N, C-alpha and C. Protein backbone atom coordinates (compact mmCIF):
# COMPACT_ATOMS: atom_id res chain seq x y z
N MET A 1 15.64 -21.76 45.52
CA MET A 1 15.35 -22.02 44.20
C MET A 1 13.81 -22.34 44.03
N LEU A 2 13.44 -23.37 44.82
CA LEU A 2 11.99 -23.78 44.79
C LEU A 2 11.22 -22.48 45.26
N ARG A 3 11.60 -21.73 46.14
CA ARG A 3 10.81 -20.58 46.61
C ARG A 3 10.42 -19.58 45.37
N SER A 4 11.58 -19.28 44.61
CA SER A 4 11.44 -18.28 43.44
C SER A 4 10.69 -18.82 42.35
N LYS A 5 10.79 -20.32 42.26
CA LYS A 5 9.82 -20.76 41.22
C LYS A 5 8.28 -20.66 41.66
N LEU A 6 8.08 -20.91 42.85
CA LEU A 6 6.86 -20.82 43.42
C LEU A 6 6.15 -19.44 43.38
N LEU A 7 6.95 -18.40 43.64
CA LEU A 7 6.61 -17.05 43.41
C LEU A 7 6.41 -16.59 41.91
N LEU A 8 7.29 -17.16 41.02
CA LEU A 8 7.11 -16.89 39.63
C LEU A 8 5.66 -17.60 39.22
N PHE A 9 5.54 -18.75 39.69
CA PHE A 9 4.25 -19.46 39.29
C PHE A 9 3.01 -18.70 39.66
N LEU A 10 3.00 -18.37 40.99
CA LEU A 10 1.91 -17.56 41.60
C LEU A 10 1.68 -16.13 40.76
N ALA A 11 2.78 -15.45 40.46
CA ALA A 11 2.52 -14.34 39.81
C ALA A 11 1.95 -14.58 38.44
N PHE A 12 2.48 -15.43 37.75
CA PHE A 12 1.97 -15.82 36.40
C PHE A 12 0.39 -16.36 36.53
N SER A 13 0.27 -17.12 37.57
CA SER A 13 -1.23 -17.52 37.69
C SER A 13 -2.13 -16.33 38.00
N SER A 14 -1.65 -15.48 38.86
CA SER A 14 -2.62 -14.20 39.08
C SER A 14 -2.77 -13.24 37.92
N SER A 15 -1.62 -13.21 36.93
CA SER A 15 -1.95 -12.37 35.74
C SER A 15 -2.93 -13.08 34.86
N LEU A 16 -2.86 -14.34 34.81
CA LEU A 16 -3.89 -15.09 34.04
C LEU A 16 -5.26 -14.88 34.50
N ALA A 17 -5.42 -14.87 35.70
CA ALA A 17 -6.79 -14.77 36.36
C ALA A 17 -7.38 -13.30 36.10
N LEU A 18 -6.40 -12.37 36.25
CA LEU A 18 -6.78 -10.87 35.99
C LEU A 18 -7.16 -10.75 34.44
N ALA A 19 -6.32 -11.27 33.58
CA ALA A 19 -6.58 -11.25 32.24
C ALA A 19 -7.92 -11.85 31.79
N GLN A 20 -8.28 -13.01 32.54
CA GLN A 20 -9.46 -13.70 31.96
C GLN A 20 -10.73 -12.91 32.52
N GLY A 21 -10.63 -12.21 33.48
CA GLY A 21 -11.67 -11.42 34.13
C GLY A 21 -11.95 -10.16 33.27
N THR A 22 -11.08 -9.72 32.38
CA THR A 22 -11.27 -8.55 31.62
C THR A 22 -11.94 -8.83 30.43
N LEU A 23 -13.04 -8.09 30.21
CA LEU A 23 -13.87 -8.25 29.03
C LEU A 23 -14.10 -7.00 28.29
N TYR A 24 -13.78 -6.74 27.13
CA TYR A 24 -14.04 -5.46 26.60
C TYR A 24 -15.29 -5.55 25.57
N ASN A 25 -16.23 -4.61 25.79
CA ASN A 25 -17.49 -4.83 25.00
C ASN A 25 -17.47 -3.78 24.08
N ALA A 26 -16.60 -3.76 23.08
CA ALA A 26 -16.73 -2.81 22.04
C ALA A 26 -16.22 -3.41 20.75
N ILE A 27 -16.61 -2.83 19.62
CA ILE A 27 -16.07 -3.28 18.30
C ILE A 27 -15.34 -2.04 17.72
N THR A 28 -13.99 -2.41 17.32
CA THR A 28 -13.02 -1.24 16.74
C THR A 28 -13.54 -1.08 15.19
N TYR A 29 -13.72 0.10 14.95
CA TYR A 29 -13.92 0.46 13.44
C TYR A 29 -12.80 1.73 13.19
N GLN A 30 -12.33 1.39 12.00
CA GLN A 30 -11.15 2.39 11.60
C GLN A 30 -11.39 2.63 10.17
N ALA A 31 -11.29 3.83 9.68
CA ALA A 31 -11.31 4.30 8.29
C ALA A 31 -10.62 5.41 8.04
N VAL A 32 -10.56 5.98 6.73
CA VAL A 32 -10.10 6.98 6.30
C VAL A 32 -11.13 7.89 5.66
N ALA A 33 -11.43 9.06 6.23
CA ALA A 33 -12.40 9.95 5.69
C ALA A 33 -11.80 10.72 4.31
N ARG A 34 -12.62 10.69 3.41
CA ARG A 34 -12.27 11.22 2.07
C ARG A 34 -13.38 12.25 1.59
N ASP A 35 -12.92 13.33 0.74
CA ASP A 35 -13.92 14.12 0.17
C ASP A 35 -14.31 13.43 -1.26
N ALA A 36 -15.25 14.35 -1.95
CA ALA A 36 -15.72 13.76 -3.23
C ALA A 36 -14.62 13.51 -4.19
N ASN A 37 -13.55 14.01 -4.07
CA ASN A 37 -12.40 13.83 -5.03
C ASN A 37 -11.46 12.60 -4.62
N GLY A 38 -11.81 12.12 -3.36
CA GLY A 38 -11.02 11.03 -2.98
C GLY A 38 -9.84 11.35 -2.09
N ASP A 39 -9.71 12.62 -1.77
CA ASP A 39 -8.55 13.18 -1.12
C ASP A 39 -8.87 13.11 0.53
N PRO A 40 -7.93 12.75 1.25
CA PRO A 40 -8.12 12.52 2.82
C PRO A 40 -8.62 13.85 3.46
N LEU A 41 -9.33 13.80 4.43
CA LEU A 41 -9.95 14.92 5.18
C LEU A 41 -9.11 15.13 6.49
N PRO A 42 -7.97 15.79 6.44
CA PRO A 42 -7.17 15.74 7.71
C PRO A 42 -7.90 16.69 8.78
N ASN A 43 -7.64 16.23 10.06
CA ASN A 43 -8.05 17.08 11.25
C ASN A 43 -9.53 17.60 11.28
N GLN A 44 -10.33 16.63 10.78
CA GLN A 44 -11.73 16.99 10.54
C GLN A 44 -12.68 16.34 11.45
N ALA A 45 -13.65 17.16 12.12
CA ALA A 45 -14.49 16.57 13.10
C ALA A 45 -15.68 15.84 12.09
N ILE A 46 -15.90 14.75 12.70
CA ILE A 46 -17.00 13.93 11.84
C ILE A 46 -17.98 13.25 12.84
N GLY A 47 -19.38 13.32 12.53
CA GLY A 47 -20.43 12.83 13.29
C GLY A 47 -20.53 11.28 12.66
N LEU A 48 -20.79 10.31 13.43
CA LEU A 48 -20.85 8.98 13.04
C LEU A 48 -22.10 8.31 13.56
N GLN A 49 -22.86 7.53 12.75
CA GLN A 49 -23.83 6.68 13.31
C GLN A 49 -23.77 5.19 12.76
N PHE A 50 -23.68 4.37 13.78
CA PHE A 50 -23.55 2.85 13.44
C PHE A 50 -24.76 2.26 13.76
N ASP A 51 -25.37 1.44 12.78
CA ASP A 51 -26.47 0.59 12.86
C ASP A 51 -26.16 -0.82 12.81
N LEU A 52 -26.54 -1.71 13.70
CA LEU A 52 -26.38 -3.11 13.71
C LEU A 52 -27.68 -3.77 13.35
N THR A 53 -27.73 -4.57 12.30
CA THR A 53 -29.08 -5.29 12.05
C THR A 53 -28.76 -6.82 12.21
N ALA A 54 -29.77 -7.51 12.53
CA ALA A 54 -29.92 -8.85 12.60
C ALA A 54 -31.20 -9.25 11.81
N GLY A 55 -30.90 -10.12 10.76
CA GLY A 55 -32.10 -10.44 9.95
C GLY A 55 -32.61 -9.05 9.20
N PRO A 56 -33.85 -8.91 9.19
CA PRO A 56 -34.30 -7.64 8.60
C PRO A 56 -34.46 -6.44 9.55
N GLY A 57 -34.21 -6.66 10.92
CA GLY A 57 -34.47 -5.71 11.85
C GLY A 57 -33.23 -5.04 12.48
N LEU A 58 -33.49 -3.82 12.86
CA LEU A 58 -32.38 -2.89 13.51
C LEU A 58 -32.31 -3.40 14.95
N VAL A 59 -31.06 -3.80 15.49
CA VAL A 59 -31.07 -4.33 16.79
C VAL A 59 -30.05 -3.42 17.68
N TYR A 60 -29.55 -2.46 17.12
CA TYR A 60 -28.71 -1.50 17.94
C TYR A 60 -28.31 -0.33 16.94
N ARG A 61 -28.41 1.03 17.62
CA ARG A 61 -27.90 2.16 16.96
C ARG A 61 -27.22 2.95 17.92
N GLU A 62 -26.03 3.60 17.40
CA GLU A 62 -25.44 4.56 18.44
C GLU A 62 -24.83 5.72 17.43
N THR A 63 -24.52 6.94 18.11
CA THR A 63 -23.84 7.94 17.51
C THR A 63 -22.58 8.33 18.20
N GLN A 64 -21.66 8.83 17.50
CA GLN A 64 -20.38 9.25 18.02
C GLN A 64 -19.83 10.41 17.23
N SER A 65 -19.06 11.19 17.94
CA SER A 65 -18.21 12.33 17.16
C SER A 65 -16.71 12.00 17.33
N VAL A 66 -16.03 12.06 16.29
CA VAL A 66 -14.55 11.74 16.24
C VAL A 66 -13.91 12.80 15.38
N THR A 67 -12.55 12.96 15.40
CA THR A 67 -11.84 13.71 14.66
C THR A 67 -10.68 12.98 14.00
N THR A 68 -10.55 13.30 12.69
CA THR A 68 -9.54 12.58 11.87
C THR A 68 -8.14 13.00 12.28
N ASN A 69 -7.20 12.31 11.97
CA ASN A 69 -5.72 12.68 12.08
C ASN A 69 -5.13 13.40 10.91
N ASP A 70 -3.97 13.59 10.93
CA ASP A 70 -3.20 14.36 9.83
C ASP A 70 -3.48 13.65 8.32
N GLN A 71 -3.80 12.37 8.38
CA GLN A 71 -3.91 11.63 7.19
C GLN A 71 -5.45 11.31 6.91
N GLY A 72 -6.36 11.87 7.78
CA GLY A 72 -7.67 11.54 7.50
C GLY A 72 -8.11 10.39 8.22
N LEU A 73 -7.42 9.60 8.95
CA LEU A 73 -7.66 8.47 9.67
C LEU A 73 -8.62 8.67 10.92
N PHE A 74 -9.47 7.89 11.26
CA PHE A 74 -10.09 7.98 12.34
C PHE A 74 -10.53 6.51 12.83
N LYS A 75 -10.77 6.58 14.18
CA LYS A 75 -11.06 5.28 14.86
C LYS A 75 -12.11 5.45 15.80
N ALA A 76 -13.13 4.49 15.85
CA ALA A 76 -14.26 4.53 16.71
C ALA A 76 -14.41 3.22 17.24
N GLU A 77 -14.97 3.15 18.55
CA GLU A 77 -15.10 1.97 19.26
C GLU A 77 -16.83 1.79 19.47
N ILE A 78 -17.34 0.97 18.61
CA ILE A 78 -18.80 0.67 18.70
C ILE A 78 -19.18 0.09 19.88
N GLY A 79 -19.96 0.73 20.56
CA GLY A 79 -20.27 0.45 21.97
C GLY A 79 -19.93 1.34 23.00
N THR A 80 -19.16 2.32 22.69
CA THR A 80 -18.81 3.40 23.62
C THR A 80 -19.44 4.86 23.26
N GLY A 81 -20.18 4.85 22.17
CA GLY A 81 -20.93 5.95 21.91
C GLY A 81 -22.18 6.18 22.54
N THR A 82 -23.10 6.96 22.00
CA THR A 82 -24.36 7.27 22.64
C THR A 82 -25.43 6.42 22.01
N PRO A 83 -25.95 5.24 22.61
CA PRO A 83 -27.05 4.51 22.14
C PRO A 83 -28.37 5.36 21.82
N VAL A 84 -29.02 5.05 20.65
CA VAL A 84 -30.18 5.80 20.29
C VAL A 84 -31.31 4.75 20.16
N GLY A 85 -32.09 4.77 21.12
CA GLY A 85 -33.32 3.92 21.13
C GLY A 85 -33.01 2.59 21.73
N PHE A 86 -31.78 2.29 22.14
CA PHE A 86 -31.43 1.08 22.63
C PHE A 86 -30.57 1.17 23.84
N GLY A 87 -30.50 0.08 24.70
CA GLY A 87 -29.67 -0.05 25.80
C GLY A 87 -28.22 -0.10 25.32
N PRO A 88 -27.35 -0.33 26.35
CA PRO A 88 -25.88 -0.51 26.01
C PRO A 88 -25.58 -1.63 25.17
N LEU A 89 -24.61 -1.64 24.23
CA LEU A 89 -24.17 -2.71 23.36
C LEU A 89 -23.94 -3.83 24.27
N GLU A 90 -23.41 -3.73 25.45
CA GLU A 90 -23.04 -5.02 26.18
C GLU A 90 -24.16 -5.76 26.68
N ASP A 91 -25.42 -5.27 26.53
CA ASP A 91 -26.56 -6.01 26.87
C ASP A 91 -27.11 -6.74 25.72
N TYR A 92 -26.57 -6.65 24.61
CA TYR A 92 -27.20 -7.23 23.30
C TYR A 92 -26.74 -8.69 23.26
N ARG A 93 -27.75 -9.59 23.04
CA ARG A 93 -27.45 -11.09 22.92
C ARG A 93 -27.13 -11.31 21.39
N TRP A 94 -25.93 -11.66 21.32
CA TRP A 94 -25.37 -11.74 19.86
C TRP A 94 -25.68 -12.89 19.14
N TYR A 95 -26.36 -13.92 19.64
CA TYR A 95 -26.88 -15.01 18.75
C TYR A 95 -28.21 -14.51 17.96
N HIS A 96 -28.07 -14.82 16.72
CA HIS A 96 -29.29 -14.60 15.90
C HIS A 96 -29.45 -15.78 14.94
N PRO A 97 -30.55 -16.38 15.00
CA PRO A 97 -30.81 -17.73 14.18
C PRO A 97 -30.47 -17.55 12.73
N SER A 98 -30.68 -16.28 12.10
CA SER A 98 -30.40 -16.17 10.78
C SER A 98 -29.00 -16.03 10.30
N ASN A 99 -28.18 -15.52 11.40
CA ASN A 99 -26.74 -15.25 11.20
C ASN A 99 -26.49 -14.15 10.20
N ASN A 100 -27.51 -13.39 9.78
CA ASN A 100 -27.39 -12.27 8.85
C ASN A 100 -27.25 -11.06 9.65
N MET A 101 -26.06 -10.93 10.11
CA MET A 101 -25.82 -9.60 10.85
C MET A 101 -25.02 -8.59 10.09
N PHE A 102 -25.42 -7.36 9.99
CA PHE A 102 -24.72 -6.40 9.34
C PHE A 102 -24.46 -5.20 10.13
N ILE A 103 -23.41 -4.42 9.66
CA ILE A 103 -23.26 -3.20 10.33
C ILE A 103 -23.31 -2.12 9.18
N PHE A 104 -24.15 -1.01 9.35
CA PHE A 104 -24.29 -0.01 8.40
C PHE A 104 -23.61 1.16 9.05
N VAL A 105 -22.70 1.98 8.29
CA VAL A 105 -21.99 3.12 8.69
C VAL A 105 -22.40 4.34 8.10
N HIS A 106 -22.89 5.34 8.72
CA HIS A 106 -23.27 6.61 8.30
C HIS A 106 -22.41 7.63 8.87
N ALA A 107 -22.18 8.64 8.08
CA ALA A 107 -21.30 9.75 8.53
C ALA A 107 -21.71 11.15 8.00
N ASP A 108 -21.36 12.22 8.81
CA ASP A 108 -21.59 13.55 8.48
C ASP A 108 -20.36 14.14 8.54
N PHE A 109 -19.59 14.57 7.44
CA PHE A 109 -18.21 14.97 7.38
C PHE A 109 -18.10 16.46 7.86
N THR A 110 -19.33 17.07 8.08
CA THR A 110 -19.20 18.47 8.70
C THR A 110 -19.14 18.46 10.18
N GLY A 111 -19.26 17.17 10.76
CA GLY A 111 -19.27 17.16 12.24
C GLY A 111 -20.63 17.05 12.92
N GLY A 112 -21.73 17.17 11.95
CA GLY A 112 -23.15 17.38 12.46
C GLY A 112 -23.88 15.96 12.56
N THR A 113 -25.05 16.03 12.26
CA THR A 113 -25.91 14.75 12.41
C THR A 113 -26.77 14.64 11.22
N ASN A 114 -26.28 15.15 10.06
CA ASN A 114 -26.88 14.82 8.81
C ASN A 114 -26.25 13.72 8.16
N TYR A 115 -26.41 12.49 8.60
CA TYR A 115 -25.83 11.29 8.27
C TYR A 115 -26.07 10.75 6.84
N GLN A 116 -25.08 10.36 6.13
CA GLN A 116 -25.12 9.75 4.80
C GLN A 116 -24.67 8.33 4.86
N LEU A 117 -25.31 7.34 4.26
CA LEU A 117 -24.78 5.95 4.43
C LEU A 117 -23.38 5.89 3.74
N LEU A 118 -22.44 5.21 4.30
CA LEU A 118 -21.24 5.10 3.66
C LEU A 118 -21.09 3.75 3.16
N GLY A 119 -21.77 2.78 3.82
CA GLY A 119 -21.58 1.48 3.39
C GLY A 119 -22.07 0.42 4.38
N GLN A 120 -22.19 -0.74 4.20
CA GLN A 120 -22.44 -1.87 4.95
C GLN A 120 -21.50 -2.99 4.67
N GLU A 121 -21.37 -3.79 5.92
CA GLU A 121 -20.56 -5.04 5.87
C GLU A 121 -21.23 -6.03 6.73
N PRO A 122 -21.08 -7.30 6.42
CA PRO A 122 -21.57 -8.37 7.45
C PRO A 122 -20.64 -8.37 8.68
N ILE A 123 -21.22 -8.54 9.86
CA ILE A 123 -20.42 -8.66 11.03
C ILE A 123 -19.79 -10.25 11.08
N ARG A 124 -18.57 -10.18 11.21
CA ARG A 124 -17.86 -11.49 11.36
C ARG A 124 -17.90 -12.13 12.62
N ALA A 125 -17.17 -13.20 12.88
CA ALA A 125 -17.17 -13.96 13.98
C ALA A 125 -16.67 -13.26 15.28
N VAL A 126 -15.63 -12.33 15.32
CA VAL A 126 -15.07 -11.93 16.37
C VAL A 126 -16.06 -11.20 17.36
N PRO A 127 -16.90 -10.20 16.87
CA PRO A 127 -17.98 -9.71 17.79
C PRO A 127 -18.90 -10.65 18.26
N VAL A 128 -19.23 -11.59 17.40
CA VAL A 128 -20.29 -12.69 17.59
C VAL A 128 -19.73 -13.41 18.79
N ALA A 129 -18.45 -13.58 18.96
CA ALA A 129 -17.85 -14.33 20.02
C ALA A 129 -18.45 -13.94 21.41
N ASN A 130 -18.99 -12.74 21.49
CA ASN A 130 -19.65 -12.20 22.66
C ASN A 130 -20.77 -13.13 23.10
N SER A 131 -21.35 -13.79 22.16
CA SER A 131 -22.40 -14.85 22.69
C SER A 131 -21.90 -15.76 23.64
N ALA A 132 -20.71 -16.15 23.62
CA ALA A 132 -20.11 -17.10 24.54
C ALA A 132 -20.18 -16.52 26.08
N ARG A 133 -20.09 -15.12 26.09
CA ARG A 133 -20.15 -14.44 27.31
C ARG A 133 -21.57 -14.48 27.91
N MET A 134 -22.58 -14.62 27.09
CA MET A 134 -23.95 -14.71 27.55
C MET A 134 -24.51 -16.07 27.67
N ALA A 135 -23.63 -17.20 27.39
CA ALA A 135 -23.91 -18.55 27.47
C ALA A 135 -24.33 -19.08 28.98
N THR A 136 -25.44 -19.89 29.00
CA THR A 136 -25.67 -20.50 30.28
C THR A 136 -25.44 -21.89 30.36
N THR A 137 -25.18 -22.23 31.59
CA THR A 137 -24.87 -23.82 31.55
C THR A 137 -25.89 -24.52 32.30
């Protein structure tokens, strides 16, 4: 009985250690692509550009190509695309004194690189939690 409890404890402890060592360096983005009439664009290749800003300056840019599903839904993982003029997203130090961080989403619904701004949103706390990864003691 004691042996089985010990094995169970060791297995659980090992799984916790492995889980803590896994760090995913991407920001998930999901949206529905729609045409000018508001109808979804099913099974459509889309070119995407993501810009991250801190204060007034651009701190990261990447491009990706994705394809929508039957309902026009697509998902992108920012940080897994092609950086444009910057190193990988995992190297970015997430702390910014102004805390005015935004993401700008651009798309080309023909699958090319003639990007049009779709919108912008402030970056909330979850991606910024990456600053803890860069903390020094």
